[in-house]
Protein backbone atom coordinates (compact mmCIF):
# COMPACT_ATOMS: atom_id res chain seq x y z
CA MET A 1 -40.35 -32.97 17.74
CA GLY A 2 -40.99 -32.75 21.47
CA CYS A 3 -43.05 -34.52 24.11
CA GLU A 4 -46.53 -34.92 22.63
CA PRO A 5 -49.47 -34.92 25.06
CA GLY A 6 -51.74 -37.92 24.76
CA SER A 7 -48.96 -40.36 23.86
CA VAL A 8 -47.03 -42.95 25.84
CA TYR A 9 -43.33 -43.23 25.12
CA PRO A 10 -40.91 -46.05 25.88
CA ALA A 11 -38.06 -44.98 28.12
CA SER A 12 -35.49 -44.83 25.32
CA THR A 13 -37.65 -42.59 23.14
CA ALA A 14 -38.72 -40.40 26.07
CA ALA A 15 -35.11 -39.74 26.98
CA SER A 16 -34.27 -38.37 23.54
CA LEU A 17 -37.47 -36.31 23.20
CA CYS A 18 -37.95 -35.01 26.71
CA GLY A 19 -34.63 -35.07 28.50
CA ASN A 20 -32.99 -37.62 30.74
CA LEU A 21 -35.08 -39.91 32.89
CA LEU A 22 -35.16 -40.89 36.51
CA SER A 23 -34.35 -44.46 37.50
CA MET A 24 -34.70 -46.21 40.81
CA GLU A 25 -32.56 -49.12 41.81
CA PRO A 26 -32.75 -51.20 45.00
CA GLY A 27 -31.09 -49.38 47.85
CA GLY A 28 -31.50 -45.83 46.56
CA VAL A 29 -32.34 -43.36 43.84
CA GLU A 30 -30.07 -42.81 40.89
CA LYS A 31 -30.71 -39.74 38.76
CA ALA A 32 -29.58 -40.04 35.15
CA GLY A 33 -28.91 -36.40 34.36
CA PRO A 34 -31.26 -33.44 34.91
CA ARG A 35 -34.95 -33.82 35.59
CA PRO A 36 -37.34 -33.58 32.63
CA ARG A 37 -38.65 -30.15 31.79
CA VAL A 38 -42.42 -29.98 32.24
CA SER A 39 -44.58 -27.46 30.40
CA GLY A 40 -48.38 -27.45 30.28
CA THR A 41 -49.72 -30.83 29.25
CA ALA A 42 -46.55 -31.93 27.47
CA LEU A 43 -45.46 -34.24 30.25
CA ILE A 44 -43.14 -37.18 30.32
CA VAL A 45 -41.10 -38.84 33.00
CA GLY A 46 -39.48 -42.25 33.21
CA LEU A 47 -39.20 -44.27 36.35
CA ILE A 48 -37.77 -47.69 36.91
CA LEU A 49 -38.97 -49.17 40.18
CA SER A 50 -37.66 -52.43 41.60
CA VAL A 51 -39.97 -53.49 44.39
CA SER A 52 -41.00 -56.95 45.51
CA LEU A 53 -44.66 -55.95 45.55
CA GLY A 54 -47.48 -57.39 43.52
CA LEU A 55 -48.75 -54.11 42.08
CA LEU A 56 -45.32 -52.55 41.65
CA ALA A 57 -43.24 -54.32 39.01
CA ALA A 58 -40.13 -53.02 37.32
CA GLY A 59 -41.00 -50.85 34.35
CA ALA A 60 -40.41 -47.56 32.56
CA TYR A 61 -42.89 -44.74 32.96
CA GLY A 62 -44.35 -42.38 30.42
CA ILE A 63 -47.04 -39.73 30.78
CA VAL A 64 -50.35 -39.97 28.98
CA ASP A 65 -53.34 -37.65 29.19
CA SER A 66 -56.63 -39.41 29.87
CA LEU A 67 -59.26 -36.69 29.87
CA GLY A 68 -62.06 -38.49 28.05
CA PRO A 69 -64.22 -41.47 29.01
CA ARG A 70 -62.16 -44.65 29.25
CA SER A 71 -61.33 -47.32 31.78
CA LEU A 72 -59.40 -45.75 34.62
CA PRO A 73 -55.86 -46.99 35.12
CA HIS A 74 -55.13 -48.94 38.29
CA GLY A 75 -52.45 -47.83 40.70
CA ILE A 76 -51.80 -44.97 43.10
CA ALA A 77 -53.72 -41.76 42.46
CA PHE A 78 -52.24 -38.52 43.76
CA GLN A 79 -52.47 -34.77 43.28
CA SER A 80 -49.60 -32.80 41.78
CA ASP A 81 -48.90 -29.25 40.64
CA VAL A 82 -46.04 -30.33 38.38
CA ASP A 83 -47.49 -28.57 35.32
CA GLY A 84 -48.43 -25.39 37.18
CA HIS A 85 -51.99 -26.51 37.95
CA GLN A 86 -53.02 -28.96 40.64
CA GLU A 87 -54.30 -32.04 38.82
CA ILE A 88 -54.77 -35.73 39.58
CA TYR A 89 -52.44 -38.40 38.22
CA VAL A 90 -52.31 -42.17 38.55
CA ILE A 91 -49.09 -44.17 38.74
CA ASN A 92 -49.62 -47.59 37.19
CA PRO A 93 -46.28 -49.39 37.52
CA ALA A 94 -47.48 -52.61 35.89
CA ALA A 95 -48.48 -50.72 32.72
CA GLY A 96 -45.34 -48.59 32.77
CA GLU A 97 -47.02 -45.18 32.72
CA ILE A 98 -48.25 -42.24 34.73
CA THR A 99 -51.65 -41.00 33.58
CA ARG A 100 -53.08 -37.56 34.13
CA VAL A 101 -56.81 -38.05 34.68
CA THR A 102 -58.08 -34.49 35.27
CA GLU A 103 -57.59 -31.04 33.76
CA ASN A 104 -58.76 -27.89 35.53
CA ARG A 105 -57.06 -24.75 34.23
CA ASP A 106 -59.38 -22.41 36.15
CA GLY A 107 -58.99 -24.04 39.55
CA HIS A 108 -57.54 -27.16 41.08
CA ASP A 109 -58.30 -30.86 41.51
CA GLY A 110 -57.17 -32.80 44.54
CA TYR A 111 -57.75 -35.27 47.35
CA PRO A 112 -58.32 -38.35 45.14
CA ALA A 113 -59.99 -41.41 46.68
CA TRP A 114 -60.51 -44.74 44.92
CA SER A 115 -63.73 -46.71 45.36
CA PRO A 116 -63.29 -50.19 46.86
CA ASP A 117 -63.63 -51.86 43.44
CA GLY A 118 -61.08 -49.51 41.82
CA LYS A 119 -63.55 -48.42 39.12
CA ARG A 120 -64.45 -44.94 40.42
CA LEU A 121 -62.32 -42.07 41.63
CA ALA A 122 -63.78 -39.39 43.90
CA TYR A 123 -61.96 -36.07 44.09
CA SER A 124 -62.41 -32.39 44.95
CA SER A 125 -62.48 -29.71 42.28
CA GLY A 126 -62.91 -25.96 42.41
CA SER A 127 -61.29 -22.80 43.70
CA ASP A 128 -59.72 -21.88 47.02
CA VAL A 129 -63.12 -20.97 48.51
CA GLN A 130 -65.64 -23.04 46.53
CA GLU A 131 -65.33 -26.72 45.77
CA ALA A 132 -67.46 -29.74 45.00
CA ILE A 133 -66.75 -33.45 45.05
CA TYR A 134 -66.86 -35.23 41.71
CA ILE A 135 -66.73 -38.88 40.69
CA LEU A 136 -64.75 -40.00 37.65
CA ASP A 137 -65.35 -43.39 36.04
CA SER A 138 -65.29 -45.00 32.60
CA SER A 139 -68.38 -43.04 31.52
CA GLY A 140 -66.93 -39.62 32.40
CA VAL A 141 -67.28 -37.18 35.30
CA ARG A 142 -70.31 -36.34 37.42
CA GLN A 143 -70.71 -33.83 40.23
CA LEU A 144 -71.61 -35.44 43.56
CA THR A 145 -72.05 -32.48 45.93
CA GLU A 146 -73.20 -28.92 45.47
CA LYS A 147 -70.59 -26.22 45.00
CA GLY A 148 -70.03 -23.98 47.96
CA SER A 149 -67.67 -24.36 50.88
CA VAL A 150 -64.39 -26.20 50.54
CA LYS A 151 -64.87 -29.97 50.40
CA GLY A 152 -62.42 -32.81 50.43
CA PHE A 153 -61.00 -35.96 51.97
CA ALA A 154 -63.63 -38.29 50.48
CA ARG A 155 -63.65 -41.81 51.92
CA TRP A 156 -65.74 -44.63 50.44
CA SER A 157 -67.69 -47.09 52.57
CA PRO A 158 -66.57 -50.73 52.16
CA ASP A 159 -69.56 -51.55 49.92
CA GLY A 160 -69.03 -48.45 47.74
CA TRP A 161 -72.52 -47.08 48.45
CA LYS A 162 -71.60 -44.13 50.67
CA ILE A 163 -68.90 -41.47 50.84
CA ALA A 164 -67.79 -39.60 53.94
CA TYR A 165 -66.20 -36.19 53.38
CA TYR A 166 -65.25 -32.96 55.11
CA THR A 167 -66.52 -29.47 54.36
CA PHE A 168 -65.56 -26.12 55.86
CA GLN A 169 -65.63 -22.37 55.26
CA LYS A 170 -62.20 -20.77 54.84
CA GLU A 171 -63.68 -17.38 55.64
CA GLY A 172 -65.41 -16.46 58.86
CA GLY A 173 -63.73 -18.98 61.14
CA LYS A 174 -66.65 -21.42 61.10
CA PRO A 175 -65.81 -24.99 62.09
CA GLY A 176 -65.90 -27.74 59.51
CA THR A 177 -68.31 -30.65 59.44
CA LEU A 178 -68.01 -34.35 58.73
CA ARG A 179 -70.72 -35.45 56.30
CA VAL A 180 -71.93 -38.65 54.63
CA ILE A 181 -73.59 -38.83 51.22
CA ASN A 182 -74.82 -41.70 49.08
CA ALA A 183 -72.62 -42.39 46.07
CA ASP A 184 -75.53 -41.43 43.78
CA GLY A 185 -75.65 -37.93 45.34
CA SER A 186 -78.71 -38.47 47.54
CA GLY A 187 -79.08 -38.49 51.29
CA GLN A 188 -76.38 -36.00 52.29
CA THR A 189 -76.35 -35.65 56.09
CA PRO A 190 -73.96 -34.24 58.72
CA VAL A 191 -72.52 -36.83 61.08
CA PHE A 192 -72.66 -34.29 63.92
CA PRO A 193 -75.96 -32.37 63.54
CA ASN A 194 -75.02 -30.00 66.37
CA ASP A 195 -71.31 -29.19 66.49
CA THR A 196 -71.93 -26.45 69.07
CA GLN A 197 -73.28 -28.98 71.53
CA SER A 198 -70.35 -31.29 70.79
CA ARG A 199 -67.88 -28.54 71.61
CA GLN A 200 -69.68 -27.69 74.85
CA THR A 201 -69.70 -31.30 76.02
CA GLY A 202 -66.05 -31.82 75.11
CA ASP A 203 -66.69 -34.44 72.43
CA CYS A 204 -64.26 -35.00 69.57
CA PHE A 205 -65.78 -32.92 66.74
CA ASP A 206 -64.91 -31.30 63.39
CA GLY A 207 -63.57 -34.33 61.57
CA PHE A 208 -61.56 -35.19 58.47
CA PRO A 209 -62.58 -38.80 57.64
CA GLY A 210 -59.86 -41.42 57.73
CA GLY A 211 -61.83 -44.42 56.57
CA TRP A 212 -64.74 -46.72 57.38
CA PHE A 213 -64.45 -49.67 59.72
CA PRO A 214 -65.49 -53.07 58.31
CA GLY A 215 -69.26 -53.30 58.15
CA GLY A 216 -69.66 -49.69 57.00
CA GLN A 217 -71.38 -48.38 60.13
CA ARG A 218 -68.52 -46.60 61.86
CA LEU A 219 -66.01 -43.93 60.80
CA LEU A 220 -62.45 -43.11 61.74
CA TYR A 221 -61.72 -39.38 61.68
CA ARG A 222 -59.35 -36.63 62.73
CA GLY A 223 -61.19 -34.53 65.25
CA SER A 224 -60.57 -31.62 67.56
CA LEU A 225 -60.59 -32.25 71.29
CA GLN A 226 -60.20 -29.29 73.62
CA GLY A 227 -58.10 -27.45 71.06
CA THR A 228 -55.89 -30.40 70.11
CA LEU A 229 -56.08 -32.50 66.95
CA ALA A 230 -56.93 -36.08 67.89
CA ILE A 231 -57.81 -39.45 66.31
CA CYS A 232 -61.41 -40.45 66.99
CA ALA A 233 -64.18 -42.78 65.83
CA VAL A 234 -67.95 -42.39 65.58
CA ASN A 235 -70.95 -44.20 64.20
CA ALA A 236 -72.15 -42.75 60.89
CA ASP A 237 -75.30 -41.48 62.66
CA GLY A 238 -73.18 -39.43 65.09
CA SER A 239 -73.53 -41.75 68.09
CA ASP A 240 -70.88 -43.41 70.25
CA VAL A 241 -67.95 -41.01 69.88
CA GLN A 242 -64.66 -42.62 70.89
CA VAL A 243 -61.34 -40.85 71.42
CA ILE A 244 -58.71 -43.27 70.16
CA LEU A 245 -55.62 -41.07 70.60
CA ALA A 246 -55.21 -37.57 72.02
CA ASP A 247 -51.90 -36.05 73.11
CA LYS A 248 -51.83 -32.43 74.23
CA ASP A 249 -48.11 -32.24 73.45
CA ARG A 250 -48.29 -33.69 69.90
CA GLU A 251 -51.17 -33.16 67.49
CA SER A 252 -52.36 -36.25 65.62
CA PHE A 253 -53.94 -36.10 62.15
CA ASP A 254 -54.13 -37.70 58.66
CA PRO A 255 -55.52 -41.01 59.99
CA ALA A 256 -55.80 -43.94 57.57
CA LEU A 257 -57.48 -47.21 58.51
CA SER A 258 -55.97 -50.46 57.29
CA PRO A 259 -58.17 -52.54 54.95
CA ASP A 260 -58.97 -55.08 57.66
CA GLY A 261 -59.69 -52.37 60.24
CA SER A 262 -57.05 -53.59 62.68
CA ARG A 263 -54.45 -50.82 62.39
CA ILE A 264 -54.34 -47.07 61.93
CA ALA A 265 -51.60 -45.10 60.21
CA PHE A 266 -51.52 -41.45 61.23
CA VAL A 267 -49.29 -38.39 61.39
CA SER A 268 -48.12 -36.87 64.64
CA GLY A 269 -46.00 -33.81 64.90
CA ASN A 270 -44.49 -31.18 67.12
CA GLY A 271 -42.27 -29.28 64.71
CA LYS A 272 -41.72 -32.34 62.51
CA ASP A 273 -44.46 -34.51 61.04
CA GLN A 274 -43.89 -38.24 61.35
CA ILE A 275 -46.04 -41.25 60.38
CA PHE A 276 -46.99 -43.63 63.17
CA LEU A 277 -48.89 -46.90 63.32
CA MET A 278 -51.11 -48.09 66.14
CA ASN A 279 -53.72 -50.71 66.78
CA ALA A 280 -57.29 -49.67 66.00
CA ASP A 281 -58.02 -49.32 69.72
CA GLY A 282 -55.17 -46.81 70.15
CA THR A 283 -52.67 -49.18 71.75
CA ARG A 284 -49.03 -49.63 70.70
CA PRO A 285 -48.38 -46.38 68.81
CA ARG A 286 -44.97 -46.64 67.13
CA PRO A 287 -43.15 -44.72 64.37
CA LEU A 288 -43.28 -46.18 60.86
CA ILE A 289 -39.97 -44.56 59.84
CA SER A 290 -37.58 -42.72 62.14
CA ASP A 291 -35.78 -39.84 60.43
CA ASP A 292 -35.81 -36.04 60.11
CA ALA A 293 -38.16 -35.78 57.12
CA ASP A 294 -41.71 -34.48 57.10
CA ASP A 295 -43.94 -37.42 56.15
CA LYS A 296 -47.68 -36.97 55.56
CA ASN A 297 -50.84 -38.38 53.97
CA PRO A 298 -50.43 -42.15 54.57
CA THR A 299 -52.64 -44.60 52.66
CA TRP A 300 -52.68 -48.41 52.72
CA SER A 301 -52.26 -50.84 49.86
CA PRO A 302 -55.35 -53.05 49.34
CA ASP A 303 -53.57 -56.04 50.90
CA GLY A 304 -52.43 -54.04 53.94
CA GLN A 305 -48.77 -54.87 53.34
CA TRP A 306 -47.59 -51.44 52.13
CA ILE A 307 -48.15 -47.77 52.89
CA ALA A 308 -47.88 -44.95 50.36
CA PHE A 309 -47.26 -41.42 51.62
CA SER A 310 -45.90 -38.01 50.67
CA SER A 311 -42.59 -36.70 51.96
CA ASN A 312 -40.07 -33.91 51.43
CA ARG A 313 -37.15 -36.12 52.49
CA ASN A 314 -35.21 -35.48 49.27
CA GLY A 315 -35.66 -31.72 48.99
CA SER A 316 -38.19 -28.92 49.29
CA HIS A 317 -40.91 -30.64 47.23
CA TYR A 318 -43.18 -33.40 48.44
CA HIS A 319 -43.07 -36.65 46.46
CA ILE A 320 -44.79 -40.03 46.68
CA TYR A 321 -43.06 -42.89 48.47
CA VAL A 322 -44.01 -46.44 49.44
CA VAL A 323 -42.76 -48.51 52.36
CA ARG A 324 -43.65 -51.84 53.85
CA ALA A 325 -45.98 -51.68 56.84
CA ASP A 326 -43.10 -52.84 59.04
CA GLY A 327 -41.07 -49.77 58.02
CA THR A 328 -38.66 -51.55 55.67
CA ASP A 329 -38.01 -51.28 51.92
CA LEU A 330 -38.60 -47.55 51.46
CA ARG A 331 -39.01 -46.57 47.78
CA GLN A 332 -39.51 -43.25 46.01
CA LEU A 333 -42.07 -43.17 43.19
CA THR A 334 -42.09 -39.57 41.94
CA ASP A 335 -39.45 -36.87 41.55
CA TRP A 336 -40.39 -34.38 38.85
CA GLY A 337 -40.32 -30.85 40.23
CA GLY A 338 -43.82 -30.47 41.66
CA ASP A 339 -45.49 -31.16 44.98
CA ASP A 340 -47.14 -34.60 44.98
CA ARG A 341 -49.62 -35.19 47.80
CA TRP A 342 -52.52 -37.32 49.02
CA PRO A 343 -51.92 -40.73 47.45
CA SER A 344 -54.79 -43.22 47.20
CA TRP A 345 -54.18 -46.87 46.29
CA SER A 346 -56.63 -48.71 44.05
CA SER A 347 -57.54 -52.37 44.06
CA GLY A 348 -56.88 -54.48 40.99
């Protein structure tokens, strides 16, 4: 008898069926023997996380497939290629399990983004050159955008009615565009109707969305300014472009707006990618963690007290970590042989 897909195992049973488990204790990571072997959908890993955080309570983790309609688990969604295909998983520490919520054997699923109420999960699905954005909820999956160019980085408006996303062509060198669409699939419009004009006037264009400011009228995004990646903001109708941070010596990207709109987490790098925090107006940029690791893809907890991110600090693979917003109490959440990227933290 081996690890059976579709079942949740207690830590003691999982260890005997699937190999030794991973445990985390305060102050570091302790590995109890070799990592679990992962094959196809037969997945199991155990984690014990001790964190003084409301959503993260000590518990043992199992893997369960959740590919049919059901209530989505709460926690941190992320993409991982641990089973050889890029799929989306959710870590739910309170329930003691990691749930795989997508299966795409002919392509990949990635860039998960929780709705503000934690009941819907937007994500990208497709091939390397053609993708669409889908929404997963308790009733199943529905396609939000048409298939075509690569699409990703969905960000929900505070009221859950709109989604900002990024689309671009991998072939032909065409610039990408920042777009907004209603959550029911109607009203898809580009934020910048004329990117050529924006480039000629020197505006910050070509943006990956990083979140909506409170009120749902203005967007944070990673733009391009005179050949340098920068952090910018714009009204959803394309007016009032603001350059928040631009440094010709260090590119800035992966912006994430705090829930109250007062702070921005972002990545800045010049040979090494590091997460920084700054005020929403661009003042007081400071490193979140100072070390030699590559840290990427920051996302805020709903209460604004924690930041989840991906990092290769413990080896060649990227894994999911959490840290307090003041840079203390760093914790590792995943360590199972794949690359884990783009965390998104749900409410509830």
